[in-house]
Amino acid sequence: MEQIFNYIFAIIFPFGQDGWKVLSLISIIFAIKYFNVWKKDKIILSLLIFLFYGLLLSVFSKDVVSGFEEMQRYFSGWLFPFLLGYAVIDKYHKIKILKVYLIVLSFTILLGFLAYFNVIPDKISYLTFIVDERLGVICGHTIFGGKSSFVVLILSAMFLFWQNNKNKYLILAGIIFYLFALLLSGTRACFISVFCTFVVMLTFYMFKKKEFFKTGLFIFLIFVLSLTVYNFSPFLQQRIKNTSITKEESLIFRIDMYKHGLNLLKEPKLIGYGPSNATKQEGNVHNLPHFHNMYLQIILDFGVIGFILFLTILFFIFKRLIVLYMQTQSVYYLMLIFAWFAILISEMFDCMLRYPFFSAQYFWVTGLILGGIKNEK
């Protein structure tokens, strides 16, 4: 049953309807089924402590409704997808489910490419492919850029570190496909995070494999693709050239929100203003829903205690992945290490982890890869 629900999740999640939330909510059944095992799992326990702490804060927040709505997003984007993926134990099905997800996601992006080049309409029913001249398949350009960067990095790790891989050229084609999608999304936070992660990944590869030629070839291919997309996308050229903290509206908003958040930090709160309540404090001149910085958002909404709990979740995720990679040398653990590294960089410029349609991908795939690990040694 666990496998069936995960296959269905992999098929419907890329299309963005709320059905995937119902499927992830079904993970509660598995939580009950595997309670004796999962009650000792440090990742799950840290998630539960953070989430229920947030619910408690919501009760005492100024805007209780907004607080509970925010926590619903965290539950549906973090805990439920993680538990759903974590319930799959069989390695064969874990890989198959991940492949199904990538195939379906690739199909939606292919539709986006067709819309971008005016082969099909920008919008079909509820499926929106182009947002403000940027590729934003179904979920908007920012979230889409984040999802694309996630796949670019896990495929890149597979391409570089998967031993005896017979699908090298297929994986390379996938990297080019998703990097092309990322560039057309115009999501600059993801450009920065992917670039930084590539530097770390390639440095690690050179020291581990001593493959200087292959590393150089990989860098050259990425450079050629980026240059090609840049030359054929006037909007991307304009978006990069117009980047200015004094002239561009989107950056001005961000700077204003950073200033507002830092002013609120002058009076540090141990328990914060409450989920989704910090932006409602006086001074949010643009009435923006978040601070465009996940760390600032967490520490203001959840306080110092909540920020420590958030870091605890990340610590246990990285610790588990690193320990398992050192024990097994499996590329699946390594690819998630790089993917999580990237999102932690991009979250300095945005709050994508607040949105279930983005965060569910990270937590679900992480749970899927870690599934079957009963206890942390």
Protein backbone atom coordinates (compact mmCIF):
# COMPACT_ATOMS: atom_id res chain seq x y z
CA MET A 1 0.00 0.00 0.00
CA GLU A 2 2.87 2.38 0.84
CA GLN A 3 4.34 1.88 -2.62
CA ILE A 4 1.04 2.45 -4.43
CA PHE A 5 0.42 5.78 -2.68
CA ASN A 6 3.94 6.93 -3.47
CA TYR A 7 3.59 6.03 -7.15
CA ILE A 8 0.35 8.02 -7.29
CA PHE A 9 2.02 10.93 -5.47
CA ALA A 10 4.87 10.89 -8.01
CA ILE A 11 2.37 11.14 -10.86
CA ILE A 12 0.05 13.87 -9.58
CA PHE A 13 2.45 16.09 -7.59
CA PRO A 14 4.01 17.78 -10.67
CA PHE A 15 0.55 18.93 -11.81
CA GLY A 16 -0.05 20.93 -8.66
CA GLN A 17 -3.60 20.09 -7.66
CA ASP A 18 -4.41 19.49 -3.99
CA GLY A 19 -4.78 15.75 -4.48
CA TRP A 20 -1.13 15.25 -3.57
CA LYS A 21 -1.82 16.89 -0.20
CA VAL A 22 -4.49 14.29 0.50
CA LEU A 23 -2.06 11.54 -0.45
CA SER A 24 0.65 12.91 1.82
CA LEU A 25 -1.89 13.24 4.62
CA ILE A 26 -2.48 9.49 4.29
CA SER A 27 1.04 9.13 5.67
CA ILE A 28 -0.57 9.41 9.12
CA ILE A 29 -1.75 5.82 8.59
CA PHE A 30 1.84 4.75 8.08
CA ALA A 31 2.94 6.79 11.09
CA ILE A 32 0.57 4.72 13.19
CA LYS A 33 1.63 1.49 11.50
CA TYR A 34 5.35 2.11 12.08
CA PHE A 35 5.00 4.04 15.33
CA ASN A 36 7.32 1.78 17.33
CA VAL A 37 10.11 2.33 14.81
CA TRP A 38 9.56 6.00 13.97
CA LYS A 39 9.15 7.19 17.55
CA LYS A 40 12.92 6.80 17.89
CA ASP A 41 13.79 8.53 14.63
CA LYS A 42 15.54 11.85 15.30
CA ILE A 43 14.50 13.49 12.02
CA ILE A 44 10.82 12.74 12.58
CA LEU A 45 10.98 13.74 16.25
CA SER A 46 12.66 17.05 15.42
CA LEU A 47 10.03 17.76 12.75
CA LEU A 48 7.22 17.01 15.20
CA ILE A 49 8.69 19.19 17.94
CA PHE A 50 9.12 22.15 15.56
CA LEU A 51 5.63 21.79 14.08
CA PHE A 52 3.76 21.39 17.34
CA TYR A 53 5.77 24.24 18.83
CA GLY A 54 4.51 26.32 15.88
CA LEU A 55 0.93 25.28 16.55
CA LEU A 56 1.30 26.35 20.17
CA LEU A 57 2.67 29.72 19.09
CA SER A 58 -0.27 30.13 16.72
CA VAL A 59 -2.73 29.88 19.60
CA PHE A 60 -1.15 32.89 21.29
CA SER A 61 -0.42 34.87 18.11
CA LYS A 62 -2.07 38.16 17.26
CA ASP A 63 -3.50 36.65 14.07
CA VAL A 64 -4.45 33.10 15.08
CA VAL A 65 -6.00 32.20 11.72
CA SER A 66 -2.87 33.17 9.78
CA GLY A 67 -0.77 31.22 12.26
CA PHE A 68 -2.73 28.01 11.77
CA GLU A 69 -2.79 28.47 7.99
CA GLU A 70 0.99 28.83 8.03
CA MET A 71 1.44 25.70 10.13
CA GLN A 72 -0.84 23.80 7.75
CA ARG A 73 1.64 24.66 5.01
CA TYR A 74 4.55 23.35 7.09
CA PHE A 75 2.73 20.13 7.93
CA SER A 76 1.70 19.47 4.32
CA GLY A 77 5.09 20.44 2.90
CA TRP A 78 7.46 18.96 5.48
CA LEU A 79 6.14 16.20 7.73
CA PHE A 80 3.49 14.43 5.65
CA PRO A 81 5.55 14.07 2.43
CA PHE A 82 8.58 12.92 4.44
CA LEU A 83 6.55 10.22 6.18
CA LEU A 84 4.97 9.16 2.89
CA GLY A 85 8.33 8.65 1.19
CA TYR A 86 9.89 7.18 4.33
CA ALA A 87 7.29 4.41 4.39
CA VAL A 88 8.80 2.82 1.27
CA ILE A 89 11.43 0.29 2.31
CA ASP A 90 12.10 -1.71 -0.85
CA LYS A 91 15.09 -0.21 -2.73
CA TYR A 92 13.79 -1.31 -6.15
CA HIS A 93 10.53 0.60 -5.71
CA LYS A 94 12.28 3.66 -4.24
CA ILE A 95 14.29 4.07 -7.45
CA LYS A 96 11.28 3.31 -9.65
CA ILE A 97 9.12 5.87 -7.85
CA LEU A 98 11.81 8.51 -8.24
CA LYS A 99 12.09 7.72 -11.96
CA VAL A 100 8.31 8.01 -12.40
CA TYR A 101 8.37 11.40 -10.70
CA LEU A 102 11.17 12.69 -12.93
CA ILE A 103 9.43 11.44 -16.07
CA VAL A 104 6.12 13.14 -15.19
CA LEU A 105 7.88 16.34 -14.11
CA SER A 106 9.85 16.34 -17.36
CA PHE A 107 6.60 16.01 -19.33
CA THR A 108 5.14 19.10 -17.64
CA ILE A 109 8.35 21.02 -18.40
CA LEU A 110 8.22 19.90 -22.03
CA LEU A 111 4.76 21.46 -22.23
CA GLY A 112 6.29 24.59 -20.73
CA PHE A 113 8.95 24.69 -23.45
CA LEU A 114 6.26 24.37 -26.11
CA ALA A 115 4.36 27.27 -24.54
CA TYR A 116 7.52 29.37 -24.21
CA PHE A 117 8.17 29.02 -27.95
CA ASN A 118 4.49 29.68 -28.81
CA VAL A 119 3.68 26.14 -29.99
CA ILE A 120 0.86 25.78 -27.46
CA PRO A 121 -1.03 28.40 -25.37
CA ASP A 122 0.56 29.85 -22.25
CA LYS A 123 -2.31 28.42 -20.23
CA ILE A 124 -4.37 25.24 -20.63
CA SER A 125 -7.22 24.91 -18.14
CA TYR A 126 -5.61 25.53 -14.70
CA LEU A 127 -2.12 24.71 -16.04
CA THR A 128 -0.17 27.96 -16.44
CA PHE A 129 3.20 27.61 -18.15
CA ILE A 130 4.45 31.18 -18.68
CA VAL A 131 4.45 33.90 -16.01
CA ASP A 132 5.64 37.41 -16.95
CA GLU A 133 7.57 36.05 -19.94
CA ARG A 134 9.36 33.56 -17.68
CA LEU A 135 9.01 29.79 -17.63
CA GLY A 136 6.95 28.99 -14.54
CA VAL A 137 5.35 25.64 -15.20
CA ILE A 138 2.19 25.37 -13.07
CA CYS A 139 3.79 26.66 -9.86
CA GLY A 140 5.18 30.09 -10.83
CA HIS A 141 8.72 30.95 -11.93
CA THR A 142 10.33 31.06 -8.44
CA ILE A 143 9.07 27.68 -7.23
CA PHE A 144 9.63 26.21 -10.69
CA GLY A 145 13.23 27.46 -10.67
CA GLY A 146 13.76 25.85 -7.29
CA LYS A 147 12.32 22.53 -8.42
CA SER A 148 14.44 22.59 -11.58
CA SER A 149 17.62 23.35 -9.63
CA PHE A 150 16.87 20.39 -7.34
CA VAL A 151 16.73 18.02 -10.31
CA VAL A 152 19.77 19.59 -12.00
CA LEU A 153 21.85 18.92 -8.91
CA ILE A 154 20.72 15.36 -8.21
CA LEU A 155 21.29 14.43 -11.86
CA SER A 156 24.69 16.13 -11.83
CA ALA A 157 25.70 14.12 -8.76
CA MET A 158 24.55 10.94 -10.51
CA PHE A 159 26.49 11.85 -13.64
CA LEU A 160 29.71 12.51 -11.74
CA PHE A 161 29.64 9.95 -8.93
CA TRP A 162 27.51 6.99 -10.06
CA GLN A 163 29.91 4.13 -10.63
CA ASN A 164 29.29 1.70 -13.51
CA ASN A 165 26.45 3.90 -14.72
CA LYS A 166 25.20 2.76 -18.13
CA ASN A 167 22.91 5.78 -18.55
CA LYS A 168 25.54 8.53 -18.53
CA TYR A 169 24.36 10.17 -21.75
CA LEU A 170 20.69 10.02 -20.73
CA ILE A 171 21.53 11.66 -17.41
CA LEU A 172 23.63 14.30 -19.19
CA ALA A 173 20.66 15.04 -21.46
CA GLY A 174 18.51 15.42 -18.35
CA ILE A 175 20.98 17.88 -16.84
CA ILE A 176 20.92 19.99 -20.00
CA PHE A 177 17.10 19.79 -20.15
CA TYR A 178 16.60 20.96 -16.56
CA LEU A 179 19.38 23.53 -16.65
CA PHE A 180 17.70 24.99 -19.74
CA ALA A 181 14.43 25.12 -17.78
CA LEU A 182 16.13 26.74 -14.79
CA LEU A 183 17.69 29.45 -16.93
CA LEU A 184 14.38 30.24 -18.63
CA SER A 185 12.70 30.58 -15.23
CA GLY A 186 14.87 33.61 -14.51
CA THR A 187 15.11 32.67 -10.82
CA ARG A 188 18.30 34.44 -9.79
CA ALA A 189 18.44 33.00 -6.25
CA CYS A 190 18.62 29.55 -7.83
CA PHE A 191 21.28 30.72 -10.30
CA ILE A 192 23.46 31.71 -7.34
CA SER A 193 22.78 28.55 -5.33
CA VAL A 194 23.34 26.18 -8.26
CA PHE A 195 26.57 27.94 -9.23
CA CYS A 196 27.92 27.75 -5.66
CA THR A 197 26.87 24.10 -5.34
CA PHE A 198 28.46 23.22 -8.69
CA VAL A 199 31.73 24.71 -7.43
CA VAL A 200 31.58 22.60 -4.27
CA MET A 201 30.47 19.48 -6.16
CA LEU A 202 33.16 19.74 -8.82
CA THR A 203 35.85 20.47 -6.24
CA PHE A 204 34.80 17.39 -4.29
CA TYR A 205 34.76 15.36 -7.51
CA MET A 206 38.26 16.44 -8.54
CA PHE A 207 39.75 15.52 -5.17
CA LYS A 208 37.84 12.25 -4.93
CA LYS A 209 38.12 10.97 -8.50
CA LYS A 210 41.19 12.82 -9.86
CA GLU A 211 39.19 13.31 -13.08
CA PHE A 212 40.38 16.72 -14.24
CA PHE A 213 39.48 16.24 -17.91
CA LYS A 214 35.91 15.14 -17.21
CA THR A 215 35.50 18.01 -14.75
CA GLY A 216 36.69 20.50 -17.36
CA LEU A 217 34.36 19.01 -19.97
CA PHE A 218 31.40 19.27 -17.57
CA ILE A 219 32.19 22.93 -16.85
CA PHE A 220 32.53 23.64 -20.57
CA LEU A 221 29.13 22.07 -21.38
CA ILE A 222 27.42 24.08 -18.65
CA PHE A 223 29.07 27.27 -19.88
CA VAL A 224 28.05 26.64 -23.51
CA LEU A 225 24.45 25.85 -22.55
CA SER A 226 24.17 28.92 -20.32
CA LEU A 227 25.60 31.15 -23.01
CA THR A 228 23.26 29.68 -25.65
CA VAL A 229 20.15 30.19 -23.54
CA TYR A 230 21.26 33.70 -22.64
CA ASN A 231 21.73 34.65 -26.30
CA PHE A 232 18.31 33.28 -27.31
CA SER A 233 16.36 34.80 -24.41
CA PRO A 234 16.06 38.61 -24.56
CA PHE A 235 14.02 38.60 -21.36
CA LEU A 236 16.77 36.73 -19.48
CA GLN A 237 19.31 39.25 -20.78
CA GLN A 238 17.15 42.12 -19.62
CA ARG A 239 16.51 40.51 -16.21
CA ILE A 240 20.20 40.05 -15.51
CA LYS A 241 21.27 43.44 -16.90
CA ASN A 242 18.58 45.27 -14.93
CA THR A 243 19.63 43.74 -11.62
CA SER A 244 19.99 46.78 -9.37
CA ILE A 245 19.20 47.37 -5.70
CA THR A 246 18.28 50.98 -6.50
CA LYS A 247 16.26 50.58 -9.72
CA GLU A 248 14.69 47.13 -9.96
CA GLU A 249 11.36 46.81 -8.17
CA SER A 250 11.74 43.17 -7.02
CA LEU A 251 15.13 43.89 -5.42
CA ILE A 252 13.89 47.09 -3.82
CA PHE A 253 11.10 45.08 -2.20
CA ARG A 254 13.64 42.60 -0.86
CA ILE A 255 15.93 45.28 0.55
CA ASP A 256 12.96 46.97 2.24
CA MET A 257 11.87 43.66 3.78
CA TYR A 258 15.38 42.90 4.99
CA LYS A 259 15.52 46.31 6.66
CA HIS A 260 12.10 45.75 8.21
CA GLY A 261 13.10 42.32 9.50
CA LEU A 262 16.39 43.55 10.93
CA ASN A 263 14.56 46.37 12.71
CA LEU A 264 12.28 43.78 14.31
CA LEU A 265 15.36 41.81 15.35
CA LYS A 266 16.54 44.75 17.44
CA GLU A 267 14.07 43.45 20.00
CA PRO A 268 14.84 39.71 19.83
CA LYS A 269 12.00 37.49 20.96
CA LEU A 270 12.60 34.11 22.52
CA ILE A 271 9.36 32.73 21.07
CA GLY A 272 8.82 35.09 18.13
CA TYR A 273 5.71 36.85 16.83
CA GLY A 274 4.01 33.62 15.79
CA PRO A 275 3.78 31.83 12.41
CA SER A 276 3.08 34.28 9.57
CA ASN A 277 2.69 37.12 12.09
CA ALA A 278 6.04 38.90 11.84
CA THR A 279 5.18 40.40 8.43
CA LYS A 280 2.01 41.84 9.95
CA GLN A 281 3.97 44.06 12.32
CA GLU A 282 4.05 47.76 11.56
CA GLY A 283 6.67 48.66 8.94
CA ASN A 284 5.83 46.25 6.11
CA VAL A 285 5.37 49.08 3.63
CA HIS A 286 4.88 46.77 0.63
CA ASN A 287 2.53 44.37 2.47
CA LEU A 288 4.64 41.40 1.32
CA PRO A 289 3.77 37.94 2.69
CA HIS A 290 7.32 37.00 3.73
CA PHE A 291 10.83 38.42 4.25
CA HIS A 292 12.53 36.84 1.21
CA ASN A 293 14.95 35.17 3.63
CA MET A 294 13.95 31.90 5.26
CA TYR A 295 16.31 32.31 8.21
CA LEU A 296 15.02 35.79 8.98
CA GLN A 297 11.46 34.50 8.56
CA ILE A 298 11.97 31.60 10.97
CA ILE A 299 13.70 33.58 13.71
CA LEU A 300 11.05 36.34 13.59
CA ASP A 301 8.02 34.04 13.37
CA PHE A 302 9.25 31.31 15.73
CA GLY A 303 11.82 33.16 17.82
CA VAL A 304 15.22 31.97 18.97
CA ILE A 305 13.74 28.69 20.20
CA GLY A 306 12.09 27.98 16.85
CA PHE A 307 15.25 28.87 14.94
CA ILE A 308 17.24 26.37 17.02
CA LEU A 309 14.58 23.72 16.38
CA PHE A 310 14.75 24.46 12.65
CA LEU A 311 18.54 24.08 12.67
CA THR A 312 18.11 20.82 14.58
CA ILE A 313 15.98 19.40 11.75
CA LEU A 314 18.66 20.33 9.22
CA PHE A 315 21.39 18.91 11.45
CA PHE A 316 19.74 15.49 11.71
CA ILE A 317 18.99 15.37 7.97
CA PHE A 318 22.58 16.20 7.02
CA LYS A 319 24.01 13.91 9.69
CA ARG A 320 21.95 10.95 8.47
CA LEU A 321 22.84 11.57 4.82
CA ILE A 322 26.55 12.06 5.50
CA VAL A 323 26.84 9.00 7.78
CA LEU A 324 25.02 6.80 5.27
CA TYR A 325 27.11 8.09 2.38
CA MET A 326 30.34 7.38 4.27
CA GLN A 327 29.10 3.89 5.08
CA THR A 328 27.75 2.97 1.64
CA GLN A 329 29.27 5.45 -0.87
CA SER A 330 25.81 5.50 -2.47
CA VAL A 331 25.23 8.35 -4.91
CA TYR A 332 21.64 8.70 -3.70
CA TYR A 333 22.75 10.05 -0.32
CA LEU A 334 25.40 12.26 -1.89
CA MET A 335 22.98 13.85 -4.37
CA LEU A 336 20.68 14.90 -1.53
CA ILE A 337 23.57 16.38 0.42
CA PHE A 338 24.31 18.69 -2.52
CA ALA A 339 20.61 19.42 -3.10
CA TRP A 340 20.07 20.45 0.52
CA PHE A 341 23.26 22.50 0.41
CA ALA A 342 21.84 24.41 -2.57
CA ILE A 343 18.47 25.16 -1.03
CA LEU A 344 20.11 26.49 2.12
CA ILE A 345 21.96 29.00 -0.09
CA SER A 346 18.93 30.05 -2.13
CA GLU A 347 16.84 30.48 1.03
CA MET A 348 19.04 33.46 1.92
CA PHE A 349 17.15 35.27 -0.86
CA ASP A 350 13.68 33.71 -0.63
CA CYS A 351 11.32 31.58 1.48
CA MET A 352 10.53 28.69 -0.85
CA LEU A 353 10.48 26.15 1.98
CA ARG A 354 7.30 27.86 3.22
CA TYR A 355 5.46 26.68 0.12
CA PRO A 356 4.30 23.03 0.16
CA PHE A 357 4.44 22.74 -3.64
CA PHE A 358 8.19 23.26 -3.35
CA SER A 359 9.20 21.91 0.07
CA ALA A 360 7.22 18.67 -0.41
CA GLN A 361 9.62 17.71 -3.20
CA TYR A 362 12.63 18.01 -0.89
CA PHE A 363 11.11 16.25 2.10
CA TRP A 364 9.38 13.55 0.08
CA VAL A 365 12.50 12.57 -1.90
CA THR A 366 14.61 12.71 1.27
CA GLY A 367 12.15 10.42 3.05
CA LEU A 368 12.06 8.15 0.00
CA ILE A 369 15.86 7.79 -0.09
CA LEU A 370 16.13 7.31 3.67
CA GLY A 371 13.21 4.86 3.83
CA GLY A 372 13.97 1.60 5.60
CA ILE A 373 16.60 3.11 7.89
CA LYS A 374 15.23 2.11 11.27
CA ASN A 375 17.57 3.88 13.64
CA GLU A 376 20.40 6.35 13.43
CA LYS A 377 23.64 4.81 14.63
